[in-house]
Every structure is written in C-alpha cells, then in structure tokens.
Amino acid sequence: MAKTPPPADTAPDAPSGPGKNRPTPSRSEQEAARKRPLVANTKEARARAKAELAAQREKARVGMANGEERYLTPRDRGPQRRFARDYTDAGWHAGELVMPLLVLVILVALVPNNTVVFYAYVGLWAYILFVVADMIILSRKVKSLAKDKWGDRREKGLGWYAAMRSVQMRFMRLPKPQVTRGQYPS
C-alpha cells in the first residue's frame, strides 16, 4: 500500500502526520494567551450583563409586588408589618381619595369665580382634616390589635406604617394588597 502524497492545494508547513510541525511557543506567549480581562469589555458581554441585571430587577419587582418576603425592603419585612398591611388593605380609607380630590380642586381653581375657588379650598382642607382623623383612628387600632397579638414584642412604628399606607391609592401600593376589602386578618 503506497502512501499518497498530500494534495497540492495545502500549504507545505501544514501538519501531514505525527508531530506538531510548528515551533514551541515561548513562556511569555503562553502566559499572554491565558490572560483574560477581569471585566469583560466587549459589547456582547456588556449587553449580556445588562440583560441579566434587567432580568434580576424584573424578578425582584414582581416578587416585591407579590409580597414575597425576600424581595421586600427592610421597612416592609416581617409578620407584624404584613399584619399592618393586610389590616389597612382590608378597609376603606378616606386618604385614598386625596390625590383625585387635589386634581379636582386644581381644576376648580381655574374657574374665574373666586367664591367657588374659596369653597373648593375650604372643602379640601376640611377633607384633609377628616383624613388625618381617619389616619389616627387606624393607627391606634393597628397598634392595639398588634399589642393583643404580639404583646410587648410589638414593633415600633406599626401605626405610622399603616396610616401612611392608608393615604396611598390602593392600586399604587407596594407591596400590592394581598387581601380583598373586608378580609381583615385575625
């Protein structure tokens, strides 16, 4: 069996049998080939990192909206804060209508009749006083129920937390309400 010669279109220094047919790289060349930058500086790597970060943020946003404990901020964590959130979300509160009322008063302020504008402002301030009273009542109720449930281990600031949540419009609250109206926690 005769050995066939290599095809004519290959380079004369191409490997045609055993052996490497190339010079051994120097140590500095080997080290340079192994080195990689600590931070990838290519467009693809930056785009990939940006996409991964966006995915992580989206996962955290959805987790926070759903009330998953590990995604909540320290302000919102714990069973007592969940109780205050659920109690607040279960009821109707006057504070939820403050923003729409403010928009309405701003629109009324454009009316050229000063008497109408004056009574709109007086009505707004009366409503704000009503909201403050509702916040105080809610705060005391949440503190009282938390004390009955947890005793002396009750966290500070639960009443304020519930009162501030009651001023937000229900669909804008974060974490999103986990209970329906009227479904008070036990």
N, C-alpha and C. Protein backbone atom coordinates (compact mmCIF):
# COMPACT_ATOMS: atom_id res chain seq x y z
N MET A 1 0.84 -1.17 0.00
CA MET A 1 0.00 0.00 0.00
C MET A 1 0.88 1.22 0.00
N ALA A 2 0.75 2.00 -1.02
CA ALA A 2 1.59 3.17 -1.17
C ALA A 2 0.96 4.37 -0.51
N LYS A 3 1.84 5.20 0.05
CA LYS A 3 1.36 6.41 0.73
C LYS A 3 1.06 7.45 -0.32
N THR A 4 -0.14 8.07 -0.23
CA THR A 4 -0.50 9.08 -1.22
C THR A 4 0.08 10.41 -0.81
N PRO A 5 0.55 11.18 -1.74
CA PRO A 5 1.12 12.49 -1.39
C PRO A 5 -0.01 13.45 -0.99
N PRO A 6 0.30 14.47 -0.16
CA PRO A 6 -0.73 15.42 0.25
C PRO A 6 -1.23 16.20 -0.95
N PRO A 7 -2.47 16.64 -0.91
CA PRO A 7 -2.99 17.42 -2.03
C PRO A 7 -2.15 18.66 -2.27
N ALA A 8 -2.15 19.10 -3.50
CA ALA A 8 -1.29 20.21 -3.91
C ALA A 8 -1.76 21.55 -3.36
N ASP A 9 -3.07 21.66 -2.95
CA ASP A 9 -3.57 22.96 -2.50
C ASP A 9 -3.27 23.24 -1.04
N THR A 10 -2.67 22.34 -0.29
CA THR A 10 -2.35 22.59 1.12
C THR A 10 -0.98 23.22 1.22
N ALA A 11 -0.78 23.94 2.28
CA ALA A 11 0.50 24.60 2.49
C ALA A 11 1.55 23.56 2.84
N PRO A 12 2.81 23.83 2.49
CA PRO A 12 3.85 22.84 2.76
C PRO A 12 4.10 22.64 4.25
N ASP A 13 3.77 23.65 5.11
CA ASP A 13 4.05 23.51 6.54
C ASP A 13 2.82 23.01 7.31
N ALA A 14 1.74 22.62 6.61
CA ALA A 14 0.56 22.08 7.29
C ALA A 14 0.89 20.70 7.81
N PRO A 15 0.32 20.34 8.97
CA PRO A 15 0.66 19.03 9.53
C PRO A 15 0.13 17.92 8.63
N SER A 16 0.99 16.96 8.33
CA SER A 16 0.60 15.87 7.45
C SER A 16 0.77 14.53 8.13
N GLY A 17 1.18 14.54 9.36
CA GLY A 17 1.40 13.28 10.06
C GLY A 17 1.65 13.56 11.53
N PRO A 18 2.33 12.64 12.16
CA PRO A 18 2.61 12.85 13.59
C PRO A 18 3.55 14.02 13.80
N GLY A 19 3.42 14.66 14.98
CA GLY A 19 4.24 15.83 15.27
C GLY A 19 3.43 17.09 15.13
N LYS A 20 3.96 18.15 15.69
CA LYS A 20 3.18 19.38 15.67
C LYS A 20 3.50 20.29 14.50
N ASN A 21 4.62 20.16 13.91
CA ASN A 21 5.02 20.95 12.75
C ASN A 21 4.91 22.46 12.97
N ARG A 22 5.18 22.90 14.18
CA ARG A 22 5.23 24.33 14.46
C ARG A 22 6.16 24.53 15.64
N PRO A 23 6.73 25.72 15.79
CA PRO A 23 7.66 25.94 16.89
C PRO A 23 6.93 25.98 18.23
N THR A 24 7.59 25.59 19.29
CA THR A 24 7.03 25.65 20.63
C THR A 24 6.89 27.11 21.04
N PRO A 25 5.68 27.52 21.55
CA PRO A 25 5.54 28.92 21.95
C PRO A 25 6.38 29.22 23.18
N SER A 26 6.83 30.44 23.26
CA SER A 26 7.64 30.83 24.41
C SER A 26 6.74 30.97 25.63
N ARG A 27 7.36 31.03 26.79
CA ARG A 27 6.60 31.13 28.03
C ARG A 27 5.77 32.40 28.06
N SER A 28 6.33 33.53 27.62
CA SER A 28 5.59 34.78 27.63
C SER A 28 4.38 34.72 26.68
N GLU A 29 4.51 34.02 25.55
CA GLU A 29 3.38 33.86 24.64
C GLU A 29 2.29 33.01 25.28
N GLN A 30 2.66 31.93 26.00
CA GLN A 30 1.69 31.08 26.67
C GLN A 30 0.94 31.86 27.76
N GLU A 31 1.68 32.63 28.55
CA GLU A 31 1.05 33.41 29.61
C GLU A 31 0.11 34.46 29.03
N ALA A 32 0.52 35.09 27.95
CA ALA A 32 -0.32 36.11 27.31
C ALA A 32 -1.61 35.48 26.77
N ALA A 33 -1.51 34.25 26.26
CA ALA A 33 -2.69 33.58 25.72
C ALA A 33 -3.67 33.21 26.83
N ARG A 34 -3.17 32.94 28.04
CA ARG A 34 -4.03 32.55 29.16
C ARG A 34 -4.72 33.75 29.81
N LYS A 35 -4.12 34.93 29.68
CA LYS A 35 -4.66 36.10 30.38
C LYS A 35 -5.96 36.55 29.75
N ARG A 36 -6.93 36.87 30.63
CA ARG A 36 -8.21 37.43 30.19
C ARG A 36 -8.50 38.62 31.09
N PRO A 37 -9.19 39.61 30.59
CA PRO A 37 -9.51 40.75 31.44
C PRO A 37 -10.48 40.33 32.55
N LEU A 38 -10.33 40.95 33.72
CA LEU A 38 -11.21 40.63 34.84
C LEU A 38 -12.65 41.04 34.53
N VAL A 39 -12.81 42.15 33.87
CA VAL A 39 -14.13 42.62 33.48
C VAL A 39 -14.20 42.54 31.97
N ALA A 40 -15.19 41.82 31.49
CA ALA A 40 -15.33 41.69 30.05
C ALA A 40 -15.63 43.05 29.45
N ASN A 41 -14.94 43.39 28.42
CA ASN A 41 -15.07 44.74 27.87
C ASN A 41 -15.58 44.70 26.44
N THR A 42 -16.28 43.63 26.10
CA THR A 42 -16.81 43.55 24.76
C THR A 42 -18.26 44.02 24.76
N LYS A 43 -18.74 44.42 23.62
CA LYS A 43 -20.13 44.86 23.52
C LYS A 43 -21.09 43.74 23.89
N GLU A 44 -20.78 42.53 23.44
CA GLU A 44 -21.66 41.40 23.72
C GLU A 44 -21.72 41.12 25.22
N ALA A 45 -20.57 41.18 25.89
CA ALA A 45 -20.53 40.91 27.33
C ALA A 45 -21.29 41.98 28.09
N ARG A 46 -21.13 43.23 27.69
CA ARG A 46 -21.88 44.32 28.36
C ARG A 46 -23.37 44.16 28.13
N ALA A 47 -23.76 43.81 26.92
CA ALA A 47 -25.18 43.61 26.63
C ALA A 47 -25.74 42.44 27.41
N ARG A 48 -24.96 41.37 27.52
CA ARG A 48 -25.40 40.20 28.28
C ARG A 48 -25.55 40.55 29.76
N ALA A 49 -24.57 41.28 30.31
CA ALA A 49 -24.64 41.68 31.72
C ALA A 49 -25.83 42.60 31.96
N LYS A 50 -26.08 43.49 31.03
CA LYS A 50 -27.21 44.41 31.16
C LYS A 50 -28.53 43.64 31.13
N ALA A 51 -28.63 42.65 30.25
CA ALA A 51 -29.85 41.84 30.15
C ALA A 51 -30.06 41.02 31.43
N GLU A 52 -28.97 40.46 31.97
CA GLU A 52 -29.07 39.69 33.21
C GLU A 52 -29.52 40.57 34.36
N LEU A 53 -28.97 41.78 34.45
CA LEU A 53 -29.35 42.71 35.50
C LEU A 53 -30.82 43.12 35.37
N ALA A 54 -31.25 43.35 34.14
CA ALA A 54 -32.66 43.70 33.90
C ALA A 54 -33.58 42.56 34.31
N ALA A 55 -33.17 41.33 34.02
CA ALA A 55 -33.98 40.16 34.41
C ALA A 55 -34.06 40.04 35.93
N GLN A 56 -32.92 40.26 36.61
CA GLN A 56 -32.92 40.20 38.08
C GLN A 56 -33.81 41.28 38.67
N ARG A 57 -33.73 42.48 38.13
CA ARG A 57 -34.56 43.58 38.63
C ARG A 57 -36.04 43.30 38.41
N GLU A 58 -36.37 42.76 37.25
CA GLU A 58 -37.77 42.43 36.97
C GLU A 58 -38.28 41.37 37.92
N LYS A 59 -37.44 40.37 38.19
CA LYS A 59 -37.82 39.31 39.13
C LYS A 59 -38.04 39.89 40.53
N ALA A 60 -37.17 40.81 40.94
CA ALA A 60 -37.31 41.46 42.25
C ALA A 60 -38.55 42.34 42.29
N ARG A 61 -38.84 43.05 41.19
CA ARG A 61 -40.02 43.91 41.16
C ARG A 61 -41.30 43.09 41.28
N VAL A 62 -41.36 41.99 40.54
CA VAL A 62 -42.54 41.12 40.61
C VAL A 62 -42.65 40.50 42.00
N GLY A 63 -41.52 40.06 42.55
CA GLY A 63 -41.53 39.49 43.90
C GLY A 63 -41.98 40.48 44.94
N MET A 64 -41.54 41.73 44.82
CA MET A 64 -41.96 42.76 45.77
C MET A 64 -43.45 43.04 45.62
N ALA A 65 -43.92 43.13 44.38
CA ALA A 65 -45.34 43.40 44.17
C ALA A 65 -46.20 42.29 44.73
N ASN A 66 -45.71 41.04 44.66
CA ASN A 66 -46.46 39.91 45.18
C ASN A 66 -46.30 39.71 46.68
N GLY A 67 -45.43 40.51 47.31
CA GLY A 67 -45.26 40.42 48.75
C GLY A 67 -44.35 39.30 49.21
N GLU A 68 -43.49 38.80 48.32
CA GLU A 68 -42.56 37.75 48.73
C GLU A 68 -41.54 38.35 49.69
N GLU A 69 -41.39 37.71 50.83
CA GLU A 69 -40.60 38.24 51.93
C GLU A 69 -39.17 38.60 51.54
N ARG A 70 -38.51 37.76 50.74
CA ARG A 70 -37.09 38.01 50.44
C ARG A 70 -36.87 39.21 49.52
N TYR A 71 -37.91 39.65 48.80
CA TYR A 71 -37.76 40.78 47.90
C TYR A 71 -38.23 42.09 48.55
N LEU A 72 -38.81 42.03 49.73
CA LEU A 72 -39.31 43.24 50.38
C LEU A 72 -38.17 44.06 50.93
N THR A 73 -38.40 45.36 51.04
CA THR A 73 -37.42 46.23 51.68
C THR A 73 -37.45 45.97 53.18
N PRO A 74 -36.40 46.33 53.90
CA PRO A 74 -36.41 46.11 55.36
C PRO A 74 -37.60 46.77 56.04
N ARG A 75 -38.08 47.87 55.50
CA ARG A 75 -39.24 48.56 56.07
C ARG A 75 -40.49 47.69 56.04
N ASP A 76 -40.61 46.82 55.04
CA ASP A 76 -41.83 46.05 54.82
C ASP A 76 -41.75 44.61 55.31
N ARG A 77 -40.62 44.18 55.84
CA ARG A 77 -40.44 42.78 56.20
C ARG A 77 -41.02 42.45 57.57
N GLY A 78 -41.43 41.21 57.71
CA GLY A 78 -41.84 40.68 58.99
C GLY A 78 -43.34 40.46 59.10
N PRO A 79 -43.73 39.59 60.02
CA PRO A 79 -45.15 39.26 60.17
C PRO A 79 -45.97 40.43 60.71
N GLN A 80 -45.38 41.29 61.51
CA GLN A 80 -46.13 42.41 62.06
C GLN A 80 -46.42 43.45 60.97
N ARG A 81 -45.44 43.69 60.12
CA ARG A 81 -45.67 44.63 59.01
C ARG A 81 -46.70 44.05 58.04
N ARG A 82 -46.67 42.75 57.81
CA ARG A 82 -47.66 42.11 56.95
C ARG A 82 -49.05 42.27 57.56
N PHE A 83 -49.14 42.09 58.88
CA PHE A 83 -50.43 42.27 59.55
C PHE A 83 -50.94 43.70 59.37
N ALA A 84 -50.07 44.68 59.56
CA ALA A 84 -50.48 46.09 59.40
C ALA A 84 -50.90 46.37 57.96
N ARG A 85 -50.17 45.82 56.99
CA ARG A 85 -50.54 46.00 55.58
C ARG A 85 -51.90 45.38 55.29
N ASP A 86 -52.08 44.14 55.74
CA ASP A 86 -53.34 43.44 55.46
C ASP A 86 -54.52 44.13 56.13
N TYR A 87 -54.32 44.61 57.35
CA TYR A 87 -55.42 45.29 58.04
C TYR A 87 -55.78 46.59 57.32
N THR A 88 -54.77 47.32 56.88
CA THR A 88 -55.01 48.57 56.16
C THR A 88 -55.68 48.30 54.82
N ASP A 89 -55.20 47.29 54.10
CA ASP A 89 -55.73 46.99 52.78
C ASP A 89 -57.15 46.43 52.83
N ALA A 90 -57.56 45.88 53.97
CA ALA A 90 -58.89 45.27 54.09
C ALA A 90 -59.99 46.32 54.23
N GLY A 91 -59.64 47.54 54.61
CA GLY A 91 -60.66 48.55 54.85
C GLY A 91 -60.71 49.65 53.80
N TRP A 92 -61.76 50.45 53.89
CA TRP A 92 -61.88 51.65 53.06
C TRP A 92 -61.35 52.82 53.87
N HIS A 93 -60.56 53.69 53.24
CA HIS A 93 -59.97 54.82 53.95
C HIS A 93 -60.14 56.09 53.14
N ALA A 94 -60.38 57.18 53.85
CA ALA A 94 -60.61 58.47 53.20
C ALA A 94 -59.36 58.96 52.48
N GLY A 95 -58.19 58.58 52.96
CA GLY A 95 -56.94 59.04 52.37
C GLY A 95 -56.73 58.60 50.94
N GLU A 96 -57.39 57.53 50.51
CA GLU A 96 -57.23 57.03 49.15
C GLU A 96 -57.73 58.04 48.11
N LEU A 97 -58.62 58.93 48.53
CA LEU A 97 -59.21 59.88 47.58
C LEU A 97 -58.57 61.26 47.61
N VAL A 98 -57.50 61.43 48.37
CA VAL A 98 -56.85 62.74 48.47
C VAL A 98 -56.30 63.19 47.11
N MET A 99 -55.59 62.32 46.41
CA MET A 99 -54.99 62.73 45.13
C MET A 99 -56.05 63.10 44.09
N PRO A 100 -57.09 62.29 43.88
CA PRO A 100 -58.11 62.71 42.93
C PRO A 100 -58.78 64.03 43.34
N LEU A 101 -58.98 64.21 44.65
CA LEU A 101 -59.60 65.45 45.13
C LEU A 101 -58.69 66.65 44.87
N LEU A 102 -57.39 66.47 45.04
CA LEU A 102 -56.45 67.55 44.75
C LEU A 102 -56.50 67.95 43.28
N VAL A 103 -56.58 66.97 42.41
CA VAL A 103 -56.68 67.26 40.97
C VAL A 103 -57.96 68.03 40.69
N LEU A 104 -59.05 67.61 41.32
CA LEU A 104 -60.33 68.30 41.13
C LEU A 104 -60.26 69.74 41.62
N VAL A 105 -59.63 69.97 42.75
CA VAL A 105 -59.51 71.34 43.29
C VAL A 105 -58.63 72.19 42.37
N ILE A 106 -57.59 71.62 41.81
CA ILE A 106 -56.75 72.37 40.87
C ILE A 106 -57.55 72.78 39.64
N LEU A 107 -58.39 71.89 39.16
CA LEU A 107 -59.24 72.23 38.01
C LEU A 107 -60.27 73.30 38.38
N VAL A 108 -60.81 73.21 39.58
CA VAL A 108 -61.79 74.22 40.03
C VAL A 108 -61.09 75.57 40.21
N ALA A 109 -59.81 75.56 40.56
CA ALA A 109 -59.08 76.81 40.75
C ALA A 109 -58.97 77.60 39.43
N LEU A 110 -59.18 76.93 38.31
CA LEU A 110 -59.13 77.62 37.02
C LEU A 110 -60.42 78.37 36.71
N VAL A 111 -61.44 78.13 37.52
CA VAL A 111 -62.73 78.83 37.33
C VAL A 111 -62.53 80.29 37.73
N PRO A 112 -63.04 81.22 36.96
CA PRO A 112 -62.81 82.64 37.28
C PRO A 112 -63.61 83.14 38.49
N ASN A 113 -64.53 82.35 39.01
CA ASN A 113 -65.34 82.76 40.15
C ASN A 113 -64.57 82.50 41.46
N ASN A 114 -64.19 83.56 42.17
CA ASN A 114 -63.40 83.43 43.40
C ASN A 114 -64.16 82.73 44.51
N THR A 115 -65.46 82.87 44.56
CA THR A 115 -66.25 82.23 45.61
C THR A 115 -66.18 80.71 45.47
N VAL A 116 -66.30 80.22 44.26
CA VAL A 116 -66.22 78.78 44.01
C VAL A 116 -64.84 78.25 44.38
N VAL A 117 -63.81 78.97 44.03
CA VAL A 117 -62.44 78.56 44.34
C VAL A 117 -62.22 78.56 45.86
N PHE A 118 -62.73 79.58 46.55
CA PHE A 118 -62.59 79.66 48.01
C PHE A 118 -63.23 78.45 48.67
N TYR A 119 -64.47 78.12 48.28
CA TYR A 119 -65.15 76.98 48.91
C TYR A 119 -64.51 75.65 48.51
N ALA A 120 -63.90 75.58 47.37
CA ALA A 120 -63.17 74.36 46.98
C ALA A 120 -61.98 74.15 47.90
N TYR A 121 -61.25 75.24 48.20
CA TYR A 121 -60.11 75.12 49.12
C TYR A 121 -60.56 74.81 50.54
N VAL A 122 -61.63 75.43 50.97
CA VAL A 122 -62.16 75.14 52.32
C VAL A 122 -62.58 73.67 52.40
N GLY A 123 -63.27 73.20 51.36
CA GLY A 123 -63.68 71.79 51.33
C GLY A 123 -62.48 70.85 51.33
N LEU A 124 -61.43 71.21 50.60
CA LEU A 124 -60.22 70.39 50.56
C LEU A 124 -59.59 70.28 51.95
N TRP A 125 -59.46 71.42 52.64
CA TRP A 125 -58.85 71.41 53.97
C TRP A 125 -59.72 70.66 54.97
N ALA A 126 -61.02 70.77 54.85
CA ALA A 126 -61.91 70.01 55.74
C ALA A 126 -61.73 68.50 55.48
N TYR A 127 -61.62 68.13 54.22
CA TYR A 127 -61.42 66.72 53.88
C TYR A 127 -60.07 66.23 54.40
N ILE A 128 -59.04 67.06 54.30
CA ILE A 128 -57.72 66.67 54.81
C ILE A 128 -57.77 66.46 56.33
N LEU A 129 -58.49 67.30 57.04
CA LEU A 129 -58.66 67.08 58.49
C LEU A 129 -59.37 65.75 58.76
N PHE A 130 -60.36 65.44 57.94
CA PHE A 130 -61.07 64.17 58.06
C PHE A 130 -60.11 63.00 57.81
N VAL A 131 -59.24 63.14 56.84
CA VAL A 131 -58.25 62.10 56.52
C VAL A 131 -57.29 61.92 57.69
N VAL A 132 -56.83 63.01 58.28
CA VAL A 132 -55.91 62.92 59.42
C VAL A 132 -56.58 62.18 60.57
N ALA A 133 -57.85 62.49 60.83
CA ALA A 133 -58.58 61.79 61.89
C ALA A 133 -58.69 60.30 61.57
N ASP A 134 -58.97 59.96 60.33
CA ASP A 134 -59.04 58.56 59.92
C ASP A 134 -57.69 57.87 60.12
N MET A 135 -56.61 58.56 59.81
CA MET A 135 -55.27 58.00 59.99
C MET A 135 -54.98 57.74 61.47
N ILE A 136 -55.38 58.66 62.33
CA ILE A 136 -55.14 58.49 63.77
C ILE A 136 -55.93 57.30 64.29
N ILE A 137 -57.18 57.18 63.88
CA ILE A 137 -58.01 56.05 64.32
C ILE A 137 -57.41 54.73 63.84
N LEU A 138 -57.01 54.68 62.58
CA LEU A 138 -56.40 53.46 62.03
C LEU A 138 -55.11 53.11 62.77
N SER A 139 -54.29 54.11 63.02
CA SER A 139 -53.02 53.89 63.72
C SER A 139 -53.25 53.28 65.10
N ARG A 140 -54.16 53.84 65.83
CA ARG A 140 -54.44 53.32 67.18
C ARG A 140 -55.02 51.91 67.13
N LYS A 141 -55.88 51.65 66.16
CA LYS A 141 -56.49 50.33 66.03
C LYS A 141 -55.43 49.28 65.70
N VAL A 142 -54.53 49.59 64.76
CA VAL A 142 -53.48 48.63 64.39
C VAL A 142 -52.55 48.39 65.58
N LYS A 143 -52.17 49.44 66.30
CA LYS A 143 -51.30 49.28 67.46
C LYS A 143 -51.97 48.42 68.52
N SER A 144 -53.26 48.65 68.76
CA SER A 144 -53.99 47.89 69.76
C SER A 144 -54.08 46.41 69.37
N LEU A 145 -54.42 46.13 68.12
CA LEU A 145 -54.52 44.74 67.67
C LEU A 145 -53.15 44.05 67.69
N ALA A 146 -52.11 44.78 67.33
CA ALA A 146 -50.76 44.21 67.35
C ALA A 146 -50.32 43.91 68.78
N LYS A 147 -50.70 44.78 69.71
CA LYS A 147 -50.34 44.54 71.11
C LYS A 147 -51.07 43.32 71.64
N ASP A 148 -52.34 43.15 71.24
CA ASP A 148 -53.09 41.96 71.65
C ASP A 148 -52.47 40.69 71.07
N LYS A 149 -51.98 40.78 69.87
CA LYS A 149 -51.45 39.61 69.17
C LYS A 149 -50.02 39.28 69.57
N TRP A 150 -49.14 40.29 69.70
CA TRP A 150 -47.72 40.06 69.96
C TRP A 150 -47.27 40.54 71.34
N GLY A 151 -48.11 41.21 72.08
CA GLY A 151 -47.75 41.67 73.41
C GLY A 151 -46.66 42.72 73.38
N ASP A 152 -45.66 42.54 74.25
CA ASP A 152 -44.57 43.52 74.37
C ASP A 152 -43.57 43.42 73.22
N ARG A 153 -43.69 42.40 72.39
CA ARG A 153 -42.76 42.25 71.26
C ARG A 153 -43.23 43.02 70.04
N ARG A 154 -44.21 43.88 70.20
CA ARG A 154 -44.75 44.66 69.08
C ARG A 154 -43.68 45.63 68.58
N GLU A 155 -43.56 45.70 67.25
CA GLU A 155 -42.57 46.60 66.63
C GLU A 155 -43.02 48.05 66.79
N LYS A 156 -42.03 48.93 66.83
CA LYS A 156 -42.35 50.36 66.83
C LYS A 156 -42.68 50.79 65.41
N GLY A 157 -43.57 51.76 65.30
CA GLY A 157 -43.87 52.34 64.01
C GLY A 157 -44.96 51.64 63.21
N LEU A 158 -45.61 50.64 63.79
CA LEU A 158 -46.66 49.93 63.05
C LEU A 158 -47.84 50.84 62.73
N GLY A 159 -48.22 51.68 63.68
CA GLY A 159 -49.35 52.58 63.47
C GLY A 159 -49.06 53.58 62.35
N TRP A 160 -47.87 54.15 62.38
CA TRP A 160 -47.48 55.11 61.34
C TRP A 160 -47.41 54.42 59.98
N TYR A 161 -46.88 53.19 59.97
CA TYR A 161 -46.77 52.41 58.73
C TYR A 161 -48.16 52.20 58.13
N ALA A 162 -49.11 51.80 58.95
CA ALA A 162 -50.48 51.56 58.46
C ALA A 162 -51.12 52.87 58.00
N ALA A 163 -50.93 53.95 58.77
CA ALA A 163 -51.53 55.23 58.43
C ALA A 163 -50.99 55.76 57.10
N MET A 164 -49.70 55.65 56.88
CA MET A 164 -49.13 56.13 55.62
C MET A 164 -49.58 55.27 54.44
N ARG A 165 -49.77 54.00 54.68
CA ARG A 165 -50.28 53.13 53.61
C ARG A 165 -51.72 53.47 53.26
N SER A 166 -52.48 53.91 54.25
CA SER A 166 -53.90 54.22 54.00
C SER A 166 -54.08 55.46 53.14
N VAL A 167 -53.07 56.31 53.05
CA VAL A 167 -53.17 57.53 52.25
C VAL A 167 -52.90 57.23 50.77
N GLN A 168 -52.22 56.15 50.49
CA GLN A 168 -51.92 55.80 49.10
C GLN A 168 -53.17 55.20 48.44
N MET A 169 -53.32 55.49 47.15
CA MET A 169 -54.40 54.85 46.42
C MET A 169 -54.11 53.35 46.35
N ARG A 170 -55.13 52.56 46.50
CA ARG A 170 -54.96 51.10 46.63
C ARG A 170 -54.15 50.50 45.49
N PHE A 171 -54.38 50.90 44.26
CA PHE A 171 -53.67 50.29 43.12
C PHE A 171 -52.22 50.73 43.04
N MET A 172 -51.80 51.74 43.80
CA MET A 172 -50.42 52.22 43.77
C MET A 172 -49.58 51.69 44.92
N ARG A 173 -50.18 50.95 45.82
CA ARG A 173 -49.45 50.46 47.00
C ARG A 173 -48.45 49.37 46.61
N LEU A 174 -47.29 49.43 47.26
CA LEU A 174 -46.29 48.39 47.12
C LEU A 174 -45.87 47.95 48.51
N PRO A 175 -45.82 46.69 48.79
CA PRO A 175 -46.27 45.57 48.00
C PRO A 175 -47.78 45.64 47.75
N LYS A 176 -48.21 45.02 46.67
CA LYS A 176 -49.63 45.06 46.29
C LYS A 176 -50.47 44.44 47.40
N PRO A 177 -51.72 44.93 47.56
CA PRO A 177 -52.59 44.34 48.58
C PRO A 177 -52.79 42.84 48.34
N GLN A 178 -52.64 42.06 49.41
CA GLN A 178 -52.78 40.61 49.33
C GLN A 178 -54.15 40.14 49.81
N VAL A 179 -54.98 41.07 50.30
CA VAL A 179 -56.31 40.73 50.78
C VAL A 179 -57.34 41.58 50.05
N THR A 180 -58.57 41.10 50.02
CA THR A 180 -59.65 41.88 49.43
C THR A 180 -60.26 42.75 50.50
N ARG A 181 -61.04 43.72 50.09
CA ARG A 181 -61.70 44.59 51.06
C ARG A 181 -62.63 43.76 51.93
N GLY A 182 -62.58 44.04 53.23
CA GLY A 182 -63.41 43.32 54.18
C GLY A 182 -62.78 42.04 54.71
N GLN A 183 -61.64 41.63 54.20
CA GLN A 183 -60.97 40.40 54.61
C GLN A 183 -59.89 40.75 55.65
N TYR A 184 -60.33 41.13 56.84
CA TYR A 184 -59.41 41.56 57.89
C TYR A 184 -58.62 40.37 58.43
N PRO A 185 -57.34 40.56 58.76
CA PRO A 185 -56.54 39.46 59.31
C PRO A 185 -56.96 39.16 60.74
N SER A 186 -56.71 37.91 61.15
CA SER A 186 -57.09 37.53 62.52
C SER A 186 -55.93 37.72 63.47
